mmCIF file of all heavy atoms, coordinates in Angstrom:
data_MODEL
# 
_entry.id   MODEL 
# 
loop_
_atom_site.group_PDB 
_atom_site.id 
_atom_site.type_symbol 
_atom_site.label_atom_id 
_atom_site.label_alt_id 
_atom_site.label_comp_id 
_atom_site.label_asym_id 
_atom_site.label_entity_id 
_atom_site.label_seq_id 
_atom_site.pdbx_PDB_ins_code 
_atom_site.Cartn_x 
_atom_site.Cartn_y 
_atom_site.Cartn_z 
_atom_site.occupancy 
_atom_site.B_iso_or_equiv 
_atom_site.pdbx_formal_charge 
_atom_site.auth_seq_id 
_atom_site.auth_comp_id 
_atom_site.auth_asym_id 
_atom_site.auth_atom_id 
_atom_site.pdbx_PDB_model_num 
ATOM 1   N N   . PRO A 1 1  ? 0.834  -1.184  -0.026 1.00 0.00 ? 1  PRO A N   1 
ATOM 2   C CA  . PRO A 1 1  ? 0.000  -0.028  -0.030 1.00 0.00 ? 1  PRO A CA  1 
ATOM 3   C C   . PRO A 1 1  ? 0.918  1.270   0.022  1.00 0.00 ? 1  PRO A C   1 
ATOM 4   O O   . PRO A 1 1  ? 2.125  1.138   -0.009 1.00 0.00 ? 1  PRO A O   1 
ATOM 5   C CB  . PRO A 1 1  ? -0.802 -0.145  1.338  1.00 0.00 ? 1  PRO A CB  1 
ATOM 6   C CG  . PRO A 1 1  ? 0.193  -0.795  2.294  1.00 0.00 ? 1  PRO A CG  1 
ATOM 7   C CD  . PRO A 1 1  ? 0.974  -1.750  1.325  1.00 0.00 ? 1  PRO A CD  1 
ATOM 8   N N   . VAL A 1 2  ? 0.294  2.438   0.076  1.00 0.00 ? 2  VAL A N   1 
ATOM 9   C CA  . VAL A 1 2  ? 1.040  3.639   0.105  1.00 0.00 ? 2  VAL A CA  1 
ATOM 10  C C   . VAL A 1 2  ? 0.902  4.313   1.434  1.00 0.00 ? 2  VAL A C   1 
ATOM 11  O O   . VAL A 1 2  ? -0.177 4.645   1.862  1.00 0.00 ? 2  VAL A O   1 
ATOM 12  C CB  . VAL A 1 2  ? 0.506  4.644   -0.979 1.00 0.00 ? 2  VAL A CB  1 
ATOM 13  C CG1 . VAL A 1 2  ? 1.270  5.998   -0.978 1.00 0.00 ? 2  VAL A CG1 1 
ATOM 14  C CG2 . VAL A 1 2  ? 0.685  4.032   -2.441 1.00 0.00 ? 2  VAL A CG2 1 
ATOM 15  N N   . HIS A 1 3  ? 2.069  4.431   2.089  1.00 0.00 ? 3  HIS A N   1 
ATOM 16  C CA  . HIS A 1 3  ? 2.087  5.227   3.403  1.00 0.00 ? 3  HIS A CA  1 
ATOM 17  C C   . HIS A 1 3  ? 2.927  6.359   3.266  1.00 0.00 ? 3  HIS A C   1 
ATOM 18  O O   . HIS A 1 3  ? 4.175  6.242   3.069  1.00 0.00 ? 3  HIS A O   1 
ATOM 19  C CB  . HIS A 1 3  ? 2.639  4.316   4.515  1.00 0.00 ? 3  HIS A CB  1 
ATOM 20  C CG  . HIS A 1 3  ? 1.660  3.248   4.974  1.00 0.00 ? 3  HIS A CG  1 
ATOM 21  N ND1 . HIS A 1 3  ? 1.842  2.440   6.057  1.00 0.00 ? 3  HIS A ND1 1 
ATOM 22  C CD2 . HIS A 1 3  ? 0.474  2.750   4.435  1.00 0.00 ? 3  HIS A CD2 1 
ATOM 23  C CE1 . HIS A 1 3  ? 0.814  1.602   6.166  1.00 0.00 ? 3  HIS A CE1 1 
ATOM 24  N NE2 . HIS A 1 3  ? 0.057  1.792   5.240  1.00 0.00 ? 3  HIS A NE2 1 
ATOM 25  N N   . TYR A 1 4  ? 2.401  7.581   3.311  1.00 0.00 ? 4  TYR A N   1 
ATOM 26  C CA  . TYR A 1 4  ? 3.086  8.858   3.121  1.00 0.00 ? 4  TYR A CA  1 
ATOM 27  C C   . TYR A 1 4  ? 4.015  8.784   1.844  1.00 0.00 ? 4  TYR A C   1 
ATOM 28  O O   . TYR A 1 4  ? 5.138  9.088   1.837  1.00 0.00 ? 4  TYR A O   1 
ATOM 29  C CB  . TYR A 1 4  ? 3.982  9.134   4.364  1.00 0.00 ? 4  TYR A CB  1 
ATOM 30  C CG  . TYR A 1 4  ? 3.190  9.541   5.538  1.00 0.00 ? 4  TYR A CG  1 
ATOM 31  C CD1 . TYR A 1 4  ? 2.752  8.547   6.495  1.00 0.00 ? 4  TYR A CD1 1 
ATOM 32  C CD2 . TYR A 1 4  ? 2.815  10.800  5.782  1.00 0.00 ? 4  TYR A CD2 1 
ATOM 33  C CE1 . TYR A 1 4  ? 2.039  8.805   7.584  1.00 0.00 ? 4  TYR A CE1 1 
ATOM 34  C CE2 . TYR A 1 4  ? 2.055  11.133  6.946  1.00 0.00 ? 4  TYR A CE2 1 
ATOM 35  C CZ  . TYR A 1 4  ? 1.657  10.169  7.810  1.00 0.00 ? 4  TYR A CZ  1 
ATOM 36  O OH  . TYR A 1 4  ? 0.863  10.479  8.899  1.00 0.00 ? 4  TYR A OH  1 
ATOM 37  N N   . SER A 1 5  ? 3.373  8.362   0.802  1.00 0.00 ? 5  SER A N   1 
ATOM 38  C CA  . SER A 1 5  ? 3.969  8.341   -0.560 1.00 0.00 ? 5  SER A CA  1 
ATOM 39  C C   . SER A 1 5  ? 5.145  7.366   -0.666 1.00 0.00 ? 5  SER A C   1 
ATOM 40  O O   . SER A 1 5  ? 6.082  7.535   -1.429 1.00 0.00 ? 5  SER A O   1 
ATOM 41  C CB  . SER A 1 5  ? 4.450  9.744   -0.994 1.00 0.00 ? 5  SER A CB  1 
ATOM 42  O OG  . SER A 1 5  ? 3.372  10.553  -1.213 1.00 0.00 ? 5  SER A OG  1 
ATOM 43  N N   . GLY A 1 6  ? 5.151  6.331   0.168  1.00 0.00 ? 6  GLY A N   1 
ATOM 44  C CA  . GLY A 1 6  ? 6.226  5.360   0.182  1.00 0.00 ? 6  GLY A CA  1 
ATOM 45  C C   . GLY A 1 6  ? 5.806  4.000   0.688  1.00 0.00 ? 6  GLY A C   1 
ATOM 46  O O   . GLY A 1 6  ? 4.619  3.846   1.120  1.00 0.00 ? 6  GLY A O   1 
ATOM 47  N N   . VAL A 1 7  ? 6.726  3.112   0.795  1.00 0.00 ? 7  VAL A N   1 
ATOM 48  C CA  . VAL A 1 7  ? 6.471  1.712   1.321  1.00 0.00 ? 7  VAL A CA  1 
ATOM 49  C C   . VAL A 1 7  ? 6.374  1.815   2.850  1.00 0.00 ? 7  VAL A C   1 
ATOM 50  O O   . VAL A 1 7  ? 7.096  2.510   3.523  1.00 0.00 ? 7  VAL A O   1 
ATOM 51  C CB  . VAL A 1 7  ? 7.679  0.785   0.951  1.00 0.00 ? 7  VAL A CB  1 
ATOM 52  C CG1 . VAL A 1 7  ? 7.566  -0.471  1.584  1.00 0.00 ? 7  VAL A CG1 1 
ATOM 53  C CG2 . VAL A 1 7  ? 7.780  0.726   -0.568 1.00 0.00 ? 7  VAL A CG2 1 
ATOM 54  N N   . PRO A 1 8  ? 5.389  1.064   3.408  1.00 0.00 ? 8  PRO A N   1 
ATOM 55  C CA  . PRO A 1 8  ? 5.277  1.087   4.882  1.00 0.00 ? 8  PRO A CA  1 
ATOM 56  C C   . PRO A 1 8  ? 6.488  0.658   5.595  1.00 0.00 ? 8  PRO A C   1 
ATOM 57  O O   . PRO A 1 8  ? 7.323  -0.151  5.059  1.00 0.00 ? 8  PRO A O   1 
ATOM 58  C CB  . PRO A 1 8  ? 4.136  0.039   5.077  1.00 0.00 ? 8  PRO A CB  1 
ATOM 59  C CG  . PRO A 1 8  ? 3.371  0.013   3.845  1.00 0.00 ? 8  PRO A CG  1 
ATOM 60  C CD  . PRO A 1 8  ? 4.391  0.273   2.747  1.00 0.00 ? 8  PRO A CD  1 
ATOM 61  N N   . GLY A 1 9  ? 6.717  1.097   6.855  1.00 0.00 ? 9  GLY A N   1 
ATOM 62  C CA  . GLY A 1 9  ? 8.020  0.793   7.571  1.00 0.00 ? 9  GLY A CA  1 
ATOM 63  C C   . GLY A 1 9  ? 8.331  -0.590  7.673  1.00 0.00 ? 9  GLY A C   1 
ATOM 64  O O   . GLY A 1 9  ? 9.439  -1.030  7.517  1.00 0.00 ? 9  GLY A O   1 
ATOM 65  N N   . THR A 1 10 ? 7.354  -1.476  8.079  1.00 0.00 ? 10 THR A N   1 
ATOM 66  C CA  . THR A 1 10 ? 7.599  -2.871  8.221  1.00 0.00 ? 10 THR A CA  1 
ATOM 67  C C   . THR A 1 10 ? 8.051  -3.494  7.004  1.00 0.00 ? 10 THR A C   1 
ATOM 68  O O   . THR A 1 10 ? 9.012  -4.286  6.975  1.00 0.00 ? 10 THR A O   1 
ATOM 69  C CB  . THR A 1 10 ? 6.387  -3.588  8.749  1.00 0.00 ? 10 THR A CB  1 
ATOM 70  O OG1 . THR A 1 10 ? 6.003  -3.064  10.023 1.00 0.00 ? 10 THR A OG1 1 
ATOM 71  C CG2 . THR A 1 10 ? 6.608  -5.138  9.043  1.00 0.00 ? 10 THR A CG2 1 
ATOM 72  N N   . MET A 1 11 ? 7.451  -3.219  5.839  1.00 0.00 ? 11 MET A N   1 
ATOM 73  C CA  . MET A 1 11 ? 7.850  -3.773  4.563  1.00 0.00 ? 11 MET A CA  1 
ATOM 74  C C   . MET A 1 11 ? 9.237  -3.312  4.157  1.00 0.00 ? 11 MET A C   1 
ATOM 75  O O   . MET A 1 11 ? 10.003 -4.049  3.601  1.00 0.00 ? 11 MET A O   1 
ATOM 76  C CB  . MET A 1 11 ? 6.751  -3.312  3.539  1.00 0.00 ? 11 MET A CB  1 
ATOM 77  C CG  . MET A 1 11 ? 7.030  -3.935  2.136  1.00 0.00 ? 11 MET A CG  1 
ATOM 78  S SD  . MET A 1 11 ? 6.889  -5.672  2.010  1.00 0.00 ? 11 MET A SD  1 
ATOM 79  C CE  . MET A 1 11 ? 6.684  -5.933  0.295  1.00 0.00 ? 11 MET A CE  1 
ATOM 80  N N   . LYS A 1 12 ? 9.566  -2.024  4.452  1.00 0.00 ? 12 LYS A N   1 
ATOM 81  C CA  . LYS A 1 12 ? 10.876 -1.430  4.178  1.00 0.00 ? 12 LYS A CA  1 
ATOM 82  C C   . LYS A 1 12 ? 11.918 -2.253  4.893  1.00 0.00 ? 12 LYS A C   1 
ATOM 83  O O   . LYS A 1 12 ? 12.991 -2.579  4.349  1.00 0.00 ? 12 LYS A O   1 
ATOM 84  C CB  . LYS A 1 12 ? 10.866 0.027   4.491  1.00 0.00 ? 12 LYS A CB  1 
ATOM 85  C CG  . LYS A 1 12 ? 12.209 0.703   4.261  1.00 0.00 ? 12 LYS A CG  1 
ATOM 86  C CD  . LYS A 1 12 ? 12.500 0.916   2.786  1.00 0.00 ? 12 LYS A CD  1 
ATOM 87  C CE  . LYS A 1 12 ? 13.594 1.989   2.553  1.00 0.00 ? 12 LYS A CE  1 
ATOM 88  N NZ  . LYS A 1 12 ? 14.851 1.593   3.075  1.00 0.00 ? 12 LYS A NZ  1 
ATOM 89  N N   . SER A 1 13 ? 11.720 -2.477  6.242  1.00 0.00 ? 13 SER A N   1 
ATOM 90  C CA  . SER A 1 13 ? 12.696 -3.198  7.055  1.00 0.00 ? 13 SER A CA  1 
ATOM 91  C C   . SER A 1 13 ? 12.909 -4.592  6.496  1.00 0.00 ? 13 SER A C   1 
ATOM 92  O O   . SER A 1 13 ? 14.010 -5.109  6.397  1.00 0.00 ? 13 SER A O   1 
ATOM 93  C CB  . SER A 1 13 ? 12.198 -3.248  8.484  1.00 0.00 ? 13 SER A CB  1 
ATOM 94  O OG  . SER A 1 13 ? 12.187 -1.946  9.060  1.00 0.00 ? 13 SER A OG  1 
ATOM 95  N N   . PHE A 1 14 ? 11.727 -5.252  6.090  1.00 0.00 ? 14 PHE A N   1 
ATOM 96  C CA  . PHE A 1 14 ? 11.768 -6.580  5.524  1.00 0.00 ? 14 PHE A CA  1 
ATOM 97  C C   . PHE A 1 14 ? 12.598 -6.654  4.263  1.00 0.00 ? 14 PHE A C   1 
ATOM 98  O O   . PHE A 1 14 ? 13.516 -7.473  4.124  1.00 0.00 ? 14 PHE A O   1 
ATOM 99  C CB  . PHE A 1 14 ? 10.332 -7.028  5.282  1.00 0.00 ? 14 PHE A CB  1 
ATOM 100 C CG  . PHE A 1 14 ? 10.262 -8.381  4.573  1.00 0.00 ? 14 PHE A CG  1 
ATOM 101 C CD1 . PHE A 1 14 ? 10.334 -9.588  5.220  1.00 0.00 ? 14 PHE A CD1 1 
ATOM 102 C CD2 . PHE A 1 14 ? 10.015 -8.362  3.170  1.00 0.00 ? 14 PHE A CD2 1 
ATOM 103 C CE1 . PHE A 1 14 ? 10.274 -10.815 4.516  1.00 0.00 ? 14 PHE A CE1 1 
ATOM 104 C CE2 . PHE A 1 14 ? 9.938  -9.628  2.502  1.00 0.00 ? 14 PHE A CE2 1 
ATOM 105 C CZ  . PHE A 1 14 ? 10.066 -10.825 3.161  1.00 0.00 ? 14 PHE A CZ  1 
ATOM 106 N N   . LEU A 1 15 ? 12.315 -5.732  3.364  1.00 0.00 ? 15 LEU A N   1 
ATOM 107 C CA  . LEU A 1 15 ? 13.039 -5.728  2.085  1.00 0.00 ? 15 LEU A CA  1 
ATOM 108 C C   . LEU A 1 15 ? 14.458 -5.352  2.217  1.00 0.00 ? 15 LEU A C   1 
ATOM 109 O O   . LEU A 1 15 ? 15.306 -5.905  1.569  1.00 0.00 ? 15 LEU A O   1 
ATOM 110 C CB  . LEU A 1 15 ? 12.362 -4.726  1.134  1.00 0.00 ? 15 LEU A CB  1 
ATOM 111 C CG  . LEU A 1 15 ? 10.893 -5.111  0.621  1.00 0.00 ? 15 LEU A CG  1 
ATOM 112 C CD1 . LEU A 1 15 ? 10.291 -4.003  -0.175 1.00 0.00 ? 15 LEU A CD1 1 
ATOM 113 C CD2 . LEU A 1 15 ? 10.917 -6.436  -0.119 1.00 0.00 ? 15 LEU A CD2 1 
ATOM 114 N N   . ASP A 1 16 ? 14.811 -4.414  3.082  1.00 0.00 ? 16 ASP A N   1 
ATOM 115 C CA  . ASP A 1 16 ? 16.257 -4.041  3.300  1.00 0.00 ? 16 ASP A CA  1 
ATOM 116 C C   . ASP A 1 16 ? 17.053 -5.273  3.647  1.00 0.00 ? 16 ASP A C   1 
ATOM 117 O O   . ASP A 1 16 ? 18.113 -5.495  3.158  1.00 0.00 ? 16 ASP A O   1 
ATOM 118 C CB  . ASP A 1 16 ? 16.305 -2.985  4.416  1.00 0.00 ? 16 ASP A CB  1 
ATOM 119 C CG  . ASP A 1 16 ? 15.958 -1.570  3.906  1.00 0.00 ? 16 ASP A CG  1 
ATOM 120 O OD1 . ASP A 1 16 ? 15.752 -1.393  2.714  1.00 0.00 ? 16 ASP A OD1 1 
ATOM 121 O OD2 . ASP A 1 16 ? 15.929 -0.685  4.776  1.00 0.00 ? 16 ASP A OD2 1 
ATOM 122 N N   . ARG A 1 17 ? 16.520 -6.011  4.631  1.00 0.00 ? 17 ARG A N   1 
ATOM 123 C CA  . ARG A 1 17 ? 17.289 -7.195  5.174  1.00 0.00 ? 17 ARG A CA  1 
ATOM 124 C C   . ARG A 1 17 ? 17.214 -8.309  4.141  1.00 0.00 ? 17 ARG A C   1 
ATOM 125 O O   . ARG A 1 17 ? 18.284 -9.022  3.959  1.00 0.00 ? 17 ARG A O   1 
ATOM 126 C CB  . ARG A 1 17 ? 16.789 -7.610  6.509  1.00 0.00 ? 17 ARG A CB  1 
ATOM 127 C CG  . ARG A 1 17 ? 17.194 -6.628  7.586  1.00 0.00 ? 17 ARG A CG  1 
ATOM 128 C CD  . ARG A 1 17 ? 16.511 -6.844  8.907  1.00 0.00 ? 17 ARG A CD  1 
ATOM 129 N NE  . ARG A 1 17 ? 16.611 -8.211  9.309  1.00 0.00 ? 17 ARG A NE  1 
ATOM 130 C CZ  . ARG A 1 17 ? 15.730 -8.867  10.136 1.00 0.00 ? 17 ARG A CZ  1 
ATOM 131 N NH1 . ARG A 1 17 ? 14.681 -8.201  10.564 1.00 0.00 ? 17 ARG A NH1 1 
ATOM 132 N NH2 . ARG A 1 17 ? 15.964 -10.062 10.523 1.00 0.00 ? 17 ARG A NH2 1 
ATOM 133 N N   . LEU A 1 18 ? 16.120 -8.608  3.554  1.00 0.00 ? 18 LEU A N   1 
ATOM 134 C CA  . LEU A 1 18 ? 15.959 -9.691  2.592  1.00 0.00 ? 18 LEU A CA  1 
ATOM 135 C C   . LEU A 1 18 ? 16.949 -9.511  1.451  1.00 0.00 ? 18 LEU A C   1 
ATOM 136 O O   . LEU A 1 18 ? 17.734 -10.430 1.115  1.00 0.00 ? 18 LEU A O   1 
ATOM 137 C CB  . LEU A 1 18 ? 14.553 -9.754  2.059  1.00 0.00 ? 18 LEU A CB  1 
ATOM 138 C CG  . LEU A 1 18 ? 14.195 -10.821 1.016  1.00 0.00 ? 18 LEU A CG  1 
ATOM 139 C CD1 . LEU A 1 18 ? 13.787 -12.127 1.859  1.00 0.00 ? 18 LEU A CD1 1 
ATOM 140 C CD2 . LEU A 1 18 ? 13.044 -10.466 0.148  1.00 0.00 ? 18 LEU A CD2 1 
ATOM 141 N N   . PHE A 1 19 ? 16.987 -8.309  0.859  1.00 0.00 ? 19 PHE A N   1 
ATOM 142 C CA  . PHE A 1 19 ? 17.833 -8.107  -0.326 1.00 0.00 ? 19 PHE A CA  1 
ATOM 143 C C   . PHE A 1 19 ? 19.308 -7.893  0.020  1.00 0.00 ? 19 PHE A C   1 
ATOM 144 O O   . PHE A 1 19 ? 20.167 -8.227  -0.770 1.00 0.00 ? 19 PHE A O   1 
ATOM 145 C CB  . PHE A 1 19 ? 17.237 -6.940  -1.184 1.00 0.00 ? 19 PHE A CB  1 
ATOM 146 C CG  . PHE A 1 19 ? 16.080 -7.383  -2.032 1.00 0.00 ? 19 PHE A CG  1 
ATOM 147 C CD1 . PHE A 1 19 ? 14.833 -7.322  -1.485 1.00 0.00 ? 19 PHE A CD1 1 
ATOM 148 C CD2 . PHE A 1 19 ? 16.285 -7.733  -3.279 1.00 0.00 ? 19 PHE A CD2 1 
ATOM 149 C CE1 . PHE A 1 19 ? 13.690 -7.632  -2.296 1.00 0.00 ? 19 PHE A CE1 1 
ATOM 150 C CE2 . PHE A 1 19 ? 15.229 -8.190  -4.105 1.00 0.00 ? 19 PHE A CE2 1 
ATOM 151 C CZ  . PHE A 1 19 ? 13.909 -8.100  -3.595 1.00 0.00 ? 19 PHE A CZ  1 
ATOM 152 N N   . TYR A 1 20 ? 19.551 -7.371  1.242  1.00 0.00 ? 20 TYR A N   1 
ATOM 153 C CA  . TYR A 1 20 ? 20.944 -7.164  1.576  1.00 0.00 ? 20 TYR A CA  1 
ATOM 154 C C   . TYR A 1 20 ? 21.635 -8.498  1.844  1.00 0.00 ? 20 TYR A C   1 
ATOM 155 O O   . TYR A 1 20 ? 22.795 -8.689  1.472  1.00 0.00 ? 20 TYR A O   1 
ATOM 156 C CB  . TYR A 1 20 ? 21.024 -6.324  2.866  1.00 0.00 ? 20 TYR A CB  1 
ATOM 157 C CG  . TYR A 1 20 ? 22.455 -5.910  3.096  1.00 0.00 ? 20 TYR A CG  1 
ATOM 158 C CD1 . TYR A 1 20 ? 23.095 -4.867  2.347  1.00 0.00 ? 20 TYR A CD1 1 
ATOM 159 C CD2 . TYR A 1 20 ? 23.257 -6.431  4.155  1.00 0.00 ? 20 TYR A CD2 1 
ATOM 160 C CE1 . TYR A 1 20 ? 24.384 -4.524  2.566  1.00 0.00 ? 20 TYR A CE1 1 
ATOM 161 C CE2 . TYR A 1 20 ? 24.552 -6.102  4.412  1.00 0.00 ? 20 TYR A CE2 1 
ATOM 162 C CZ  . TYR A 1 20 ? 25.086 -5.099  3.590  1.00 0.00 ? 20 TYR A CZ  1 
ATOM 163 O OH  . TYR A 1 20 ? 26.395 -4.756  3.758  1.00 0.00 ? 20 TYR A OH  1 
ATOM 164 N N   . VAL A 1 21 ? 20.940 -9.472  2.484  1.00 0.00 ? 21 VAL A N   1 
ATOM 165 C CA  . VAL A 1 21 ? 21.534 -10.739 2.696  1.00 0.00 ? 21 VAL A CA  1 
ATOM 166 C C   . VAL A 1 21 ? 21.791 -11.468 1.306  1.00 0.00 ? 21 VAL A C   1 
ATOM 167 O O   . VAL A 1 21 ? 22.778 -12.051 1.047  1.00 0.00 ? 21 VAL A O   1 
ATOM 168 C CB  . VAL A 1 21 ? 20.618 -11.667 3.578  1.00 0.00 ? 21 VAL A CB  1 
ATOM 169 C CG1 . VAL A 1 21 ? 21.150 -13.137 3.534  1.00 0.00 ? 21 VAL A CG1 1 
ATOM 170 C CG2 . VAL A 1 21 ? 20.573 -11.137 4.962  1.00 0.00 ? 21 VAL A CG2 1 
ATOM 171 N N   . SER A 1 22 ? 20.796 -11.230 0.368  1.00 0.00 ? 22 SER A N   1 
ATOM 172 C CA  . SER A 1 22 ? 20.917 -11.813 -0.940 1.00 0.00 ? 22 SER A CA  1 
ATOM 173 C C   . SER A 1 22 ? 22.177 -11.283 -1.616 1.00 0.00 ? 22 SER A C   1 
ATOM 174 O O   . SER A 1 22 ? 23.029 -12.044 -2.160 1.00 0.00 ? 22 SER A O   1 
ATOM 175 C CB  . SER A 1 22 ? 19.733 -11.525 -1.807 1.00 0.00 ? 22 SER A CB  1 
ATOM 176 O OG  . SER A 1 22 ? 19.954 -11.893 -3.164 1.00 0.00 ? 22 SER A OG  1 
ATOM 177 N N   . THR A 1 23 ? 22.326 -9.974  -1.725 1.00 0.00 ? 23 THR A N   1 
ATOM 178 C CA  . THR A 1 23 ? 23.494 -9.425  -2.429 1.00 0.00 ? 23 THR A CA  1 
ATOM 179 C C   . THR A 1 23 ? 24.813 -9.708  -1.706 1.00 0.00 ? 23 THR A C   1 
ATOM 180 O O   . THR A 1 23 ? 25.829 -9.757  -2.290 1.00 0.00 ? 23 THR A O   1 
ATOM 181 C CB  . THR A 1 23 ? 23.283 -7.885  -2.579 1.00 0.00 ? 23 THR A CB  1 
ATOM 182 O OG1 . THR A 1 23 ? 23.054 -7.256  -1.235 1.00 0.00 ? 23 THR A OG1 1 
ATOM 183 C CG2 . THR A 1 23 ? 22.079 -7.586  -3.437 1.00 0.00 ? 23 THR A CG2 1 
ATOM 184 N N   . SER A 1 24 ? 24.751 -9.855  -0.408 1.00 0.00 ? 24 SER A N   1 
ATOM 185 C CA  . SER A 1 24 ? 25.967 -10.163 0.389  1.00 0.00 ? 24 SER A CA  1 
ATOM 186 C C   . SER A 1 24 ? 26.405 -11.574 0.275  1.00 0.00 ? 24 SER A C   1 
ATOM 187 O O   . SER A 1 24 ? 27.474 -11.950 0.705  1.00 0.00 ? 24 SER A O   1 
ATOM 188 C CB  . SER A 1 24 ? 25.798 -9.797  1.865  1.00 0.00 ? 24 SER A CB  1 
ATOM 189 O OG  . SER A 1 24 ? 25.565 -8.427  2.026  1.00 0.00 ? 24 SER A OG  1 
ATOM 190 N N   . ASN A 1 25 ? 25.536 -12.437 -0.318 1.00 0.00 ? 25 ASN A N   1 
ATOM 191 C CA  . ASN A 1 25 ? 25.903 -13.821 -0.495 1.00 0.00 ? 25 ASN A CA  1 
ATOM 192 C C   . ASN A 1 25 ? 25.890 -14.294 -1.926 1.00 0.00 ? 25 ASN A C   1 
ATOM 193 O O   . ASN A 1 25 ? 25.420 -15.289 -2.327 1.00 0.00 ? 25 ASN A O   1 
ATOM 194 C CB  . ASN A 1 25 ? 24.928 -14.650 0.343  1.00 0.00 ? 25 ASN A CB  1 
ATOM 195 C CG  . ASN A 1 25 ? 25.153 -14.645 1.779  1.00 0.00 ? 25 ASN A CG  1 
ATOM 196 O OD1 . ASN A 1 25 ? 25.748 -15.632 2.376  1.00 0.00 ? 25 ASN A OD1 1 
ATOM 197 N ND2 . ASN A 1 25 ? 24.666 -13.578 2.436  1.00 0.00 ? 25 ASN A ND2 1 
# 
């Protein structure tokens, strides 16, 4: 959904860690 013209905080935290582990491995 759209929260303040962006991704909601929980989803942002999820994606940051999901994709960072992927790129780091």
